[in-house]
Each structure stands twice: as structure tokens, then as C-alpha cells.
PDB file of N, CA and C in Angstrom:
ATOM      1  N   UNK A   1     -25.087 -17.637 -19.074  1.00  0.00           N
ATOM      2  CA  UNK A   1     -23.673 -17.648 -18.762  1.00  0.00           C
ATOM      3  C   UNK A   1     -23.118 -16.225 -18.692  1.00  0.00           C
ATOM      4  N   UNK A   2     -23.433 -15.406 -19.702  1.00  0.00           N
ATOM      5  CA  UNK A   2     -22.927 -14.029 -19.720  1.00  0.00           C
ATOM      6  C   UNK A   2     -23.444 -13.239 -18.521  1.00  0.00           C
ATOM      7  N   UNK A   3     -24.700 -13.480 -18.144  1.00  0.00           N
ATOM      8  CA  UNK A   3     -25.267 -12.773 -16.995  1.00  0.00           C
ATOM      9  C   UNK A   3     -24.507 -13.119 -15.722  1.00  0.00           C
ATOM     10  N   UNK A   4     -24.156 -14.361 -15.554  1.00  0.00           N
ATOM     11  CA  UNK A   4     -23.392 -14.782 -14.369  1.00  0.00           C
ATOM     12  C   UNK A   4     -22.022 -14.111 -14.337  1.00  0.00           C
ATOM     13  N   UNK A   5     -21.411 -13.966 -15.503  1.00  0.00           N
ATOM     14  CA  UNK A   5     -20.102 -13.306 -15.581  1.00  0.00           C
ATOM     15  C   UNK A   5     -20.228 -11.845 -15.173  1.00  0.00           C
ATOM     16  N   UNK A   6     -21.245 -11.139 -15.706  1.00  0.00           N
ATOM     17  CA  UNK A   6     -21.461  -9.737 -15.334  1.00  0.00           C
ATOM     18  C   UNK A   6     -21.698  -9.605 -13.832  1.00  0.00           C
ATOM     19  N   UNK A   7     -22.498 -10.506 -13.269  1.00  0.00           N
ATOM     20  CA  UNK A   7     -22.777 -10.448 -11.833  1.00  0.00           C
ATOM     21  C   UNK A   7     -21.509 -10.669 -11.011  1.00  0.00           C
ATOM     22  N   UNK A   8     -20.679 -11.599 -11.451  1.00  0.00           N
ATOM     23  CA  UNK A   8     -19.432 -11.875 -10.728  1.00  0.00           C
ATOM     24  C   UNK A   8     -18.467 -10.695 -10.831  1.00  0.00           C
ATOM     25  N   UNK A   9     -18.359 -10.113 -12.015  1.00  0.00           N
ATOM     26  CA  UNK A   9     -17.505  -8.926 -12.195  1.00  0.00           C
ATOM     27  C   UNK A   9     -18.037  -7.782 -11.338  1.00  0.00           C
ATOM     28  N   UNK A  10     -19.353  -7.594 -11.332  1.00  0.00           N
ATOM     29  CA  UNK A  10     -19.956  -6.562 -10.498  1.00  0.00           C
ATOM     30  C   UNK A  10     -19.650  -6.773  -9.030  1.00  0.00           C
ATOM     31  N   UNK A  11     -19.702  -8.012  -8.599  1.00  0.00           N
ATOM     32  CA  UNK A  11     -19.395  -8.326  -7.196  1.00  0.00           C
ATOM     33  C   UNK A  11     -17.953  -7.964  -6.866  1.00  0.00           C
ATOM     34  N   UNK A  12     -17.018  -8.322  -7.737  1.00  0.00           N
ATOM     35  CA  UNK A  12     -15.607  -8.009  -7.485  1.00  0.00           C
ATOM     36  C   UNK A  12     -15.344  -6.504  -7.528  1.00  0.00           C
ATOM     37  N   UNK A  13     -16.004  -5.804  -8.436  1.00  0.00           N
ATOM     38  CA  UNK A  13     -15.867  -4.343  -8.455  1.00  0.00           C
ATOM     39  C   UNK A  13     -16.428  -3.744  -7.165  1.00  0.00           C
ATOM     40  N   UNK A  14     -17.533  -4.296  -6.682  1.00  0.00           N
ATOM     41  CA  UNK A  14     -18.111  -3.840  -5.422  1.00  0.00           C
ATOM     42  C   UNK A  14     -17.180  -4.055  -4.243  1.00  0.00           C
ATOM     43  N   UNK A  15     -16.481  -5.176  -4.239  1.00  0.00           N
ATOM     44  CA  UNK A  15     -15.491  -5.433  -3.186  1.00  0.00           C
ATOM     45  C   UNK A  15     -14.409  -4.359  -3.231  1.00  0.00           C
ATOM     46  N   UNK A  16     -13.936  -4.054  -4.433  1.00  0.00           N
ATOM     47  CA  UNK A  16     -12.894  -3.029  -4.582  1.00  0.00           C
ATOM     48  C   UNK A  16     -13.402  -1.659  -4.153  1.00  0.00           C
ATOM     49  N   UNK A  17     -14.608  -1.310  -4.558  1.00  0.00           N
ATOM     50  CA  UNK A  17     -15.168  -0.001  -4.208  1.00  0.00           C
ATOM     51  C   UNK A  17     -15.373   0.108  -2.699  1.00  0.00           C
ATOM     52  N   UNK A  18     -15.922  -0.919  -2.085  1.00  0.00           N
ATOM     53  CA  UNK A  18     -16.102  -0.903  -0.633  1.00  0.00           C
ATOM     54  C   UNK A  18     -14.781  -0.759   0.100  1.00  0.00           C
ATOM     55  N   UNK A  19     -13.763  -1.446  -0.380  1.00  0.00           N
ATOM     56  CA  UNK A  19     -12.437  -1.354   0.243  1.00  0.00           C
ATOM     57  C   UNK A  19     -11.834   0.028   0.066  1.00  0.00           C
ATOM     58  N   UNK A  20     -11.937   0.580  -1.137  1.00  0.00           N
ATOM     59  CA  UNK A  20     -11.412   1.931  -1.382  1.00  0.00           C
ATOM     60  C   UNK A  20     -12.138   2.965  -0.528  1.00  0.00           C
ATOM     61  N   UNK A  21     -13.443   2.810  -0.399  1.00  0.00           N
ATOM     62  CA  UNK A  21     -14.218   3.738   0.431  1.00  0.00           C
ATOM     63  C   UNK A  21     -13.743   3.680   1.880  1.00  0.00           C
ATOM     64  N   UNK A  22     -13.475   2.488   2.375  1.00  0.00           N
ATOM     65  CA  UNK A  22     -13.014   2.332   3.758  1.00  0.00           C
ATOM     66  C   UNK A  22     -11.625   2.920   3.972  1.00  0.00           C
ATOM     67  N   UNK A  23     -10.723   2.668   3.049  1.00  0.00           N
ATOM     68  CA  UNK A  23      -9.331   3.090   3.217  1.00  0.00           C
ATOM     69  C   UNK A  23      -9.162   4.589   3.010  1.00  0.00           C
ATOM     70  N   UNK A  24      -9.810   5.128   1.971  1.00  0.00           N
ATOM     71  CA  UNK A  24      -9.589   6.531   1.609  1.00  0.00           C
ATOM     72  C   UNK A  24     -10.743   7.455   1.983  1.00  0.00           C
ATOM     73  N   UNK A  25     -11.800   6.915   2.606  1.00  0.00           N
ATOM     74  CA  UNK A  25     -12.977   7.699   2.965  1.00  0.00           C
ATOM     75  C   UNK A  25     -13.533   8.419   1.733  1.00  0.00           C
ATOM     76  N   UNK A  26     -13.572   7.690   0.624  1.00  0.00           N
ATOM     77  CA  UNK A  26     -14.059   8.217  -0.650  1.00  0.00           C
ATOM     78  C   UNK A  26     -15.555   7.963  -0.745  1.00  0.00           C
ATOM     79  N   UNK A  27     -16.297   8.941  -1.264  1.00  0.00           N
ATOM     80  CA  UNK A  27     -17.748   8.803  -1.328  1.00  0.00           C
ATOM     81  C   UNK A  27     -18.291   8.662  -2.739  1.00  0.00           C
ATOM     82  N   UNK A  28     -17.614   9.230  -3.717  1.00  0.00           N
ATOM     83  CA  UNK A  28     -18.135   9.227  -5.085  1.00  0.00           C
ATOM     84  C   UNK A  28     -17.266   8.353  -5.975  1.00  0.00           C
ATOM     85  N   UNK A  29     -17.889   7.405  -6.641  1.00  0.00           N
ATOM     86  CA  UNK A  29     -17.208   6.532  -7.586  1.00  0.00           C
ATOM     87  C   UNK A  29     -17.902   6.665  -8.929  1.00  0.00           C
ATOM     88  N   UNK A  30     -17.165   7.126  -9.931  1.00  0.00           N
ATOM     89  CA  UNK A  30     -17.700   7.278 -11.276  1.00  0.00           C
ATOM     90  C   UNK A  30     -17.197   6.128 -12.132  1.00  0.00           C
ATOM     91  N   UNK A  31     -18.121   5.435 -12.749  1.00  0.00           N
ATOM     92  CA  UNK A  31     -17.798   4.292 -13.602  1.00  0.00           C
ATOM     93  C   UNK A  31     -18.036   4.725 -15.044  1.00  0.00           C
ATOM     94  N   UNK A  32     -16.997   4.591 -15.876  1.00  0.00           N
ATOM     95  CA  UNK A  32     -17.122   5.039 -17.256  1.00  0.00           C
ATOM     96  C   UNK A  32     -16.747   3.961 -18.250  1.00  0.00           C
ATOM     97  N   UNK A  33     -16.741   4.346 -19.505  1.00  0.00           N
ATOM     98  CA  UNK A  33     -16.364   3.434 -20.579  1.00  0.00           C
ATOM     99  C   UNK A  33     -17.410   2.361 -20.810  1.00  0.00           C
ATOM    100  N   UNK A  34     -16.966   1.267 -21.378  1.00  0.00           N
ATOM    101  CA  UNK A  34     -17.869   0.168 -21.695  1.00  0.00           C
ATOM    102  C   UNK A  34     -18.511  -0.450 -20.474  1.00  0.00           C
ATOM    103  N   UNK A  35     -17.838  -0.389 -19.347  1.00  0.00           N
ATOM    104  CA  UNK A  35     -18.384  -0.945 -18.102  1.00  0.00           C
ATOM    105  C   UNK A  35     -19.680  -0.233 -17.737  1.00  0.00           C
ATOM    106  N   UNK A  36     -19.724   1.061 -17.936  1.00  0.00           N
ATOM    107  CA  UNK A  36     -20.905   1.844 -17.573  1.00  0.00           C
ATOM    108  C   UNK A  36     -22.115   1.471 -18.422  1.00  0.00           C
ATOM    109  N   UNK A  37     -21.882   0.953 -19.612  1.00  0.00           N
ATOM    110  CA  UNK A  37     -22.985   0.593 -20.506  1.00  0.00           C
ATOM    111  C   UNK A  37     -23.664  -0.715 -20.126  1.00  0.00           C
ATOM    112  N   UNK A  38     -23.105  -1.449 -19.190  1.00  0.00           N
ATOM    113  CA  UNK A  38     -23.669  -2.748 -18.813  1.00  0.00           C
ATOM    114  C   UNK A  38     -25.001  -2.608 -18.080  1.00  0.00           C
ATOM    115  N   UNK A  39     -25.223  -1.492 -17.414  1.00  0.00           N
ATOM    116  CA  UNK A  39     -26.486  -1.259 -16.724  1.00  0.00           C
ATOM    117  C   UNK A  39     -26.619  -2.036 -15.427  1.00  0.00           C
ATOM    118  N   UNK A  40     -27.869  -2.305 -15.052  1.00  0.00           N
ATOM    119  CA  UNK A  40     -28.167  -2.921 -13.753  1.00  0.00           C
ATOM    120  C   UNK A  40     -27.597  -4.326 -13.591  1.00  0.00           C
ATOM    121  N   UNK A  41     -27.397  -5.020 -14.694  1.00  0.00           N
ATOM    122  CA  UNK A  41     -26.853  -6.380 -14.595  1.00  0.00           C
ATOM    123  C   UNK A  41     -25.480  -6.370 -13.916  1.00  0.00           C
ATOM    124  N   UNK A  42     -24.757  -5.261 -14.056  1.00  0.00           N
ATOM    125  CA  UNK A  42     -23.447  -5.102 -13.417  1.00  0.00           C
ATOM    126  C   UNK A  42     -23.547  -4.216 -12.176  1.00  0.00           C
ATOM    127  N   UNK A  43     -24.335  -3.131 -12.277  1.00  0.00           N
ATOM    128  CA  UNK A  43     -24.384  -2.140 -11.205  1.00  0.00           C
ATOM    129  C   UNK A  43     -25.075  -2.647  -9.946  1.00  0.00           C
ATOM    130  N   UNK A  44     -26.106  -3.460 -10.074  1.00  0.00           N
ATOM    131  CA  UNK A  44     -26.798  -3.934  -8.871  1.00  0.00           C
ATOM    132  C   UNK A  44     -25.877  -4.777  -7.987  1.00  0.00           C
ATOM    133  N   UNK A  45     -25.218  -5.824  -8.522  1.00  0.00           N
ATOM    134  CA  UNK A  45     -24.311  -6.573  -7.640  1.00  0.00           C
ATOM    135  C   UNK A  45     -23.124  -5.738  -7.162  1.00  0.00           C
ATOM    136  N   UNK A  46     -22.687  -4.775  -7.986  1.00  0.00           N
ATOM    137  CA  UNK A  46     -21.572  -3.909  -7.589  1.00  0.00           C
ATOM    138  C   UNK A  46     -21.980  -3.050  -6.392  1.00  0.00           C
ATOM    139  N   UNK A  47     -23.139  -2.419  -6.476  1.00  0.00           N
ATOM    140  CA  UNK A  47     -23.608  -1.569  -5.381  1.00  0.00           C
ATOM    141  C   UNK A  47     -23.905  -2.391  -4.128  1.00  0.00           C
ATOM    142  N   UNK A  48     -24.571  -3.513  -4.310  1.00  0.00           N
ATOM    143  CA  UNK A  48     -24.895  -4.367  -3.157  1.00  0.00           C
ATOM    144  C   UNK A  48     -23.637  -4.765  -2.394  1.00  0.00           C
ATOM    145  N   UNK A  49     -22.618  -5.182  -3.133  1.00  0.00           N
ATOM    146  CA  UNK A  49     -21.375  -5.637  -2.497  1.00  0.00           C
ATOM    147  C   UNK A  49     -20.618  -4.472  -1.864  1.00  0.00           C
ATOM    148  N   UNK A  50     -20.578  -3.322  -2.559  1.00  0.00           N
ATOM    149  CA  UNK A  50     -19.873  -2.151  -2.022  1.00  0.00           C
ATOM    150  C   UNK A  50     -20.510  -1.703  -0.709  1.00  0.00           C
ATOM    151  N   UNK A  51     -21.840  -1.645  -0.673  1.00  0.00           N
ATOM    152  CA  UNK A  51     -22.525  -1.219   0.540  1.00  0.00           C
ATOM    153  C   UNK A  51     -22.354  -2.247   1.655  1.00  0.00           C
ATOM    154  N   UNK A  52     -22.295  -3.511   1.299  1.00  0.00           N
ATOM    155  CA  UNK A  52     -22.095  -4.567   2.297  1.00  0.00           C
ATOM    156  C   UNK A  52     -20.695  -4.488   2.908  1.00  0.00           C
ATOM    157  N   UNK A  53     -19.702  -4.139   2.102  1.00  0.00           N
ATOM    158  CA  UNK A  53     -18.303  -4.120   2.549  1.00  0.00           C
ATOM    159  C   UNK A  53     -17.900  -2.824   3.252  1.00  0.00           C
ATOM    160  N   UNK A  54     -18.581  -1.731   2.936  1.00  0.00           N
ATOM    161  CA  UNK A  54     -18.204  -0.430   3.503  1.00  0.00           C
ATOM    162  C   UNK A  54     -18.585  -0.357   4.980  1.00  0.00           C
ATOM    163  N   UNK A  55     -17.799   0.382   5.723  1.00  0.00           N
ATOM    164  CA  UNK A  55     -18.073   0.592   7.143  1.00  0.00           C
ATOM    165  C   UNK A  55     -19.349   1.410   7.311  1.00  0.00           C
ATOM    166  N   UNK A  56     -20.073   1.233   8.419  1.00  0.00           N
ATOM    167  CA  UNK A  56     -21.357   1.899   8.601  1.00  0.00           C
ATOM    168  C   UNK A  56     -21.340   3.414   8.387  1.00  0.00           C
ATOM    169  N   UNK A  57     -20.364   4.121   8.892  1.00  0.00           N
ATOM    170  CA  UNK A  57     -20.326   5.574   8.726  1.00  0.00           C
ATOM    171  C   UNK A  57     -20.055   6.022   7.306  1.00  0.00           C
ATOM    172  N   UNK A  58     -19.466   5.163   6.523  1.00  0.00           N
ATOM    173  CA  UNK A  58     -19.116   5.476   5.137  1.00  0.00           C
ATOM    174  C   UNK A  58     -20.209   5.001   4.188  1.00  0.00           C
ATOM    175  N   UNK A  59     -20.803   3.879   4.509  1.00  0.00           N
ATOM    176  CA  UNK A  59     -21.806   3.226   3.658  1.00  0.00           C
ATOM    177  C   UNK A  59     -22.911   4.177   3.207  1.00  0.00           C
ATOM    178  N   UNK A  60     -23.390   5.002   4.115  1.00  0.00           N
ATOM    179  CA  UNK A  60     -24.510   5.892   3.811  1.00  0.00           C
ATOM    180  C   UNK A  60     -24.141   7.012   2.852  1.00  0.00           C
ATOM    181  N   UNK A  61     -22.858   7.272   2.680  1.00  0.00           N
ATOM    182  CA  UNK A  61     -22.406   8.385   1.847  1.00  0.00           C
ATOM    183  C   UNK A  61     -21.955   7.956   0.452  1.00  0.00           C
ATOM    184  N   UNK A  62     -21.780   6.667   0.228  1.00  0.00           N
ATOM    185  CA  UNK A  62     -21.249   6.187  -1.052  1.00  0.00           C
ATOM    186  C   UNK A  62     -22.247   6.419  -2.183  1.00  0.00           C
ATOM    187  N   UNK A  63     -21.731   6.960  -3.280  1.00  0.00           N
ATOM    188  CA  UNK A  63     -22.495   7.097  -4.515  1.00  0.00           C
ATOM    189  C   UNK A  63     -21.699   6.432  -5.627  1.00  0.00           C
ATOM    190  N   UNK A  64     -22.346   5.557  -6.373  1.00  0.00           N
ATOM    191  CA  UNK A  64     -21.724   4.916  -7.529  1.00  0.00           C
ATOM    192  C   UNK A  64     -22.564   5.317  -8.730  1.00  0.00           C
ATOM    193  N   UNK A  65     -21.942   6.032  -9.654  1.00  0.00           N
ATOM    194  CA  UNK A  65     -22.674   6.585 -10.791  1.00  0.00           C
ATOM    195  C   UNK A  65     -21.933   6.327 -12.093  1.00  0.00           C
ATOM    196  N   UNK A  66     -22.685   6.383 -13.184  1.00  0.00           N
ATOM    197  CA  UNK A  66     -22.071   6.341 -14.514  1.00  0.00           C
ATOM    198  C   UNK A  66     -21.461   7.705 -14.787  1.00  0.00           C
ATOM    199  N   UNK A  67     -20.248   7.718 -15.294  1.00  0.00           N
ATOM    200  CA  UNK A  67     -19.604   8.981 -15.663  1.00  0.00           C
ATOM    201  C   UNK A  67     -20.304   9.521 -16.905  1.00  0.00           C
ATOM    202  N   UNK A  68     -20.778  10.759 -16.812  1.00  0.00           N
ATOM    203  CA  UNK A  68     -21.471  11.395 -17.932  1.00  0.00           C
ATOM    204  C   UNK A  68     -21.453  12.897 -17.710  1.00  0.00           C
ATOM    205  N   UNK A  69     -22.048  13.618 -18.634  1.00  0.00           N
ATOM    206  CA  UNK A  69     -22.141  15.071 -18.480  1.00  0.00           C
ATOM    207  C   UNK A  69     -22.930  15.425 -17.225  1.00  0.00           C
ATOM    208  N   UNK A  70     -23.861  14.563 -16.843  1.00  0.00           N
ATOM    209  CA  UNK A  70     -24.687  14.801 -15.657  1.00  0.00           C
ATOM    210  C   UNK A  70     -23.854  14.752 -14.379  1.00  0.00           C
ATOM    211  N   UNK A  71     -22.819  13.929 -14.363  1.00  0.00           N
ATOM    212  CA  UNK A  71     -21.993  13.790 -13.169  1.00  0.00           C
ATOM    213  C   UNK A  71     -20.810  14.747 -13.160  1.00  0.00           C
ATOM    214  N   UNK A  72     -20.600  15.479 -14.237  1.00  0.00           N
ATOM    215  CA  UNK A  72     -19.438  16.374 -14.344  1.00  0.00           C
ATOM    216  C   UNK A  72     -19.345  17.375 -13.195  1.00  0.00           C
ATOM    217  N   UNK A  73     -20.438  18.024 -12.781  1.00  0.00           N
ATOM    218  CA  UNK A  73     -20.302  18.973 -11.654  1.00  0.00           C
ATOM    219  C   UNK A  73     -19.801  18.314 -10.373  1.00  0.00           C
ATOM    220  N   UNK A  74     -20.239  17.109 -10.072  1.00  0.00           N
ATOM    221  CA  UNK A  74     -19.766  16.417  -8.868  1.00  0.00           C
ATOM    222  C   UNK A  74     -18.300  16.052  -8.988  1.00  0.00           C
ATOM    223  N   UNK A  75     -17.864  15.738 -10.192  1.00  0.00           N
ATOM    224  CA  UNK A  75     -16.479  15.322 -10.410  1.00  0.00           C
ATOM    225  C   UNK A  75     -15.539  16.515 -10.529  1.00  0.00           C
ATOM    226  N   UNK A  76     -16.055  17.718 -10.534  1.00  0.00           N
ATOM    227  CA  UNK A  76     -15.221  18.910 -10.679  1.00  0.00           C
ATOM    228  C   UNK A  76     -14.151  18.963  -9.603  1.00  0.00           C
ATOM    229  N   UNK A  77     -14.451  18.508  -8.421  1.00  0.00           N
ATOM    230  CA  UNK A  77     -13.464  18.490  -7.345  1.00  0.00           C
ATOM    231  C   UNK A  77     -12.237  17.678  -7.697  1.00  0.00           C
ATOM    232  N   UNK A  78     -12.410  16.666  -8.536  1.00  0.00           N
ATOM    233  CA  UNK A  78     -11.276  15.856  -8.979  1.00  0.00           C
ATOM    234  C   UNK A  78     -10.300  16.723  -9.752  1.00  0.00           C
ATOM    235  N   UNK A  79     -10.811  17.595 -10.627  1.00  0.00           N
ATOM    236  CA  UNK A  79      -9.949  18.507 -11.385  1.00  0.00           C
ATOM    237  C   UNK A  79      -9.183  19.421 -10.443  1.00  0.00           C
ATOM    238  N   UNK A  80      -9.851  19.907  -9.418  1.00  0.00           N
ATOM    239  CA  UNK A  80      -9.200  20.809  -8.469  1.00  0.00           C
ATOM    240  C   UNK A  80      -8.075  20.103  -7.718  1.00  0.00           C
ATOM    241  N   UNK A  81      -8.291  18.866  -7.330  1.00  0.00           N
ATOM    242  CA  UNK A  81      -7.251  18.102  -6.641  1.00  0.00           C
ATOM    243  C   UNK A  81      -6.067  17.881  -7.566  1.00  0.00           C
ATOM    244  N   UNK A  82      -6.350  17.520  -8.813  1.00  0.00           N
ATOM    245  CA  UNK A  82      -5.281  17.291  -9.783  1.00  0.00           C
ATOM    246  C   UNK A  82      -4.480  18.566  -9.995  1.00  0.00           C
ATOM    247  N   UNK A  83      -5.149  19.698 -10.104  1.00  0.00           N
ATOM    248  CA  UNK A  83      -4.469  20.980 -10.287  1.00  0.00           C
ATOM    249  C   UNK A  83      -3.587  21.287  -9.088  1.00  0.00           C
ATOM    250  N   UNK A  84      -4.093  21.046  -7.887  1.00  0.00           N
ATOM    251  CA  UNK A  84      -3.326  21.297  -6.669  1.00  0.00           C
ATOM    252  C   UNK A  84      -2.072  20.421  -6.627  1.00  0.00           C
ATOM    253  N   UNK A  85      -2.229  19.161  -6.944  1.00  0.00           N
ATOM    254  CA  UNK A  85      -1.081  18.244  -6.928  1.00  0.00           C
ATOM    255  C   UNK A  85      -0.045  18.661  -7.960  1.00  0.00           C
ATOM    256  N   UNK A  86      -0.488  18.995  -9.166  1.00  0.00           N
ATOM    257  CA  UNK A  86       0.445  19.376 -10.225  1.00  0.00           C
ATOM    258  C   UNK A  86       1.153  20.690  -9.913  1.00  0.00           C
ATOM    259  N   UNK A  87       0.449  21.622  -9.262  1.00  0.00           N
ATOM    260  CA  UNK A  87       1.060  22.920  -8.980  1.00  0.00           C
ATOM    261  C   UNK A  87       2.099  22.843  -7.862  1.00  0.00           C
ATOM    262  N   UNK A  88       2.043  21.795  -7.037  1.00  0.00           N
ATOM    263  CA  UNK A  88       2.999  21.659  -5.939  1.00  0.00           C
ATOM    264  C   UNK A  88       4.277  20.938  -6.353  1.00  0.00           C
ATOM    265  N   UNK A  89       4.325  20.417  -7.568  1.00  0.00           N
ATOM    266  CA  UNK A  89       5.530  19.696  -8.019  1.00  0.00           C
ATOM    267  C   UNK A  89       6.581  20.640  -8.534  1.00  0.00           C
TER     268      UNK A  89
END
């Protein structure tokens, strides 16, 4: 039962990620907190659904990763965007 719930949640997260990728042309999605600890039981259906929903030109560029120290360099651009937005207010 719990496995089915994780798979369903992963599928819905994948739908959201695929939609966000299409609308905002976003390529990197970092998943953190307790959700990231679920592992493949959640990530496999999430990735499968996101790649299925994303447009062909975007699909090949999508990365879905656990937020960690390893992903910090890739996420550095997020800090720069936040700084730019805050400095313009």
C-alpha cells in the first residue's frame, strides 16, 4: 500500500515538473527534505512522468536531483537570480 502511495505521489510530482519545465523552460529541479529521502520508489515514477510530459526540446535537458552539497554548484545560479531580484526592488 505504501509503495503505491509513493508511486502515485511521484507521478503527480512528475506531472508538475514536466509542466513547469514546459512553461518556464526550466532544466534543473532540486528535490530536498524528506521527499528526497524516499529514493527510487518516488524518483523513478517522478522522472518517468516528467520526461513523458515535457516537450521534446526540453525533455533532453531536464535534470531532477536530490538537493545536497553535491548539487550546490549547479544551484548557485539560483542565488544569483535571487540577488538580482532583491537588488532591483
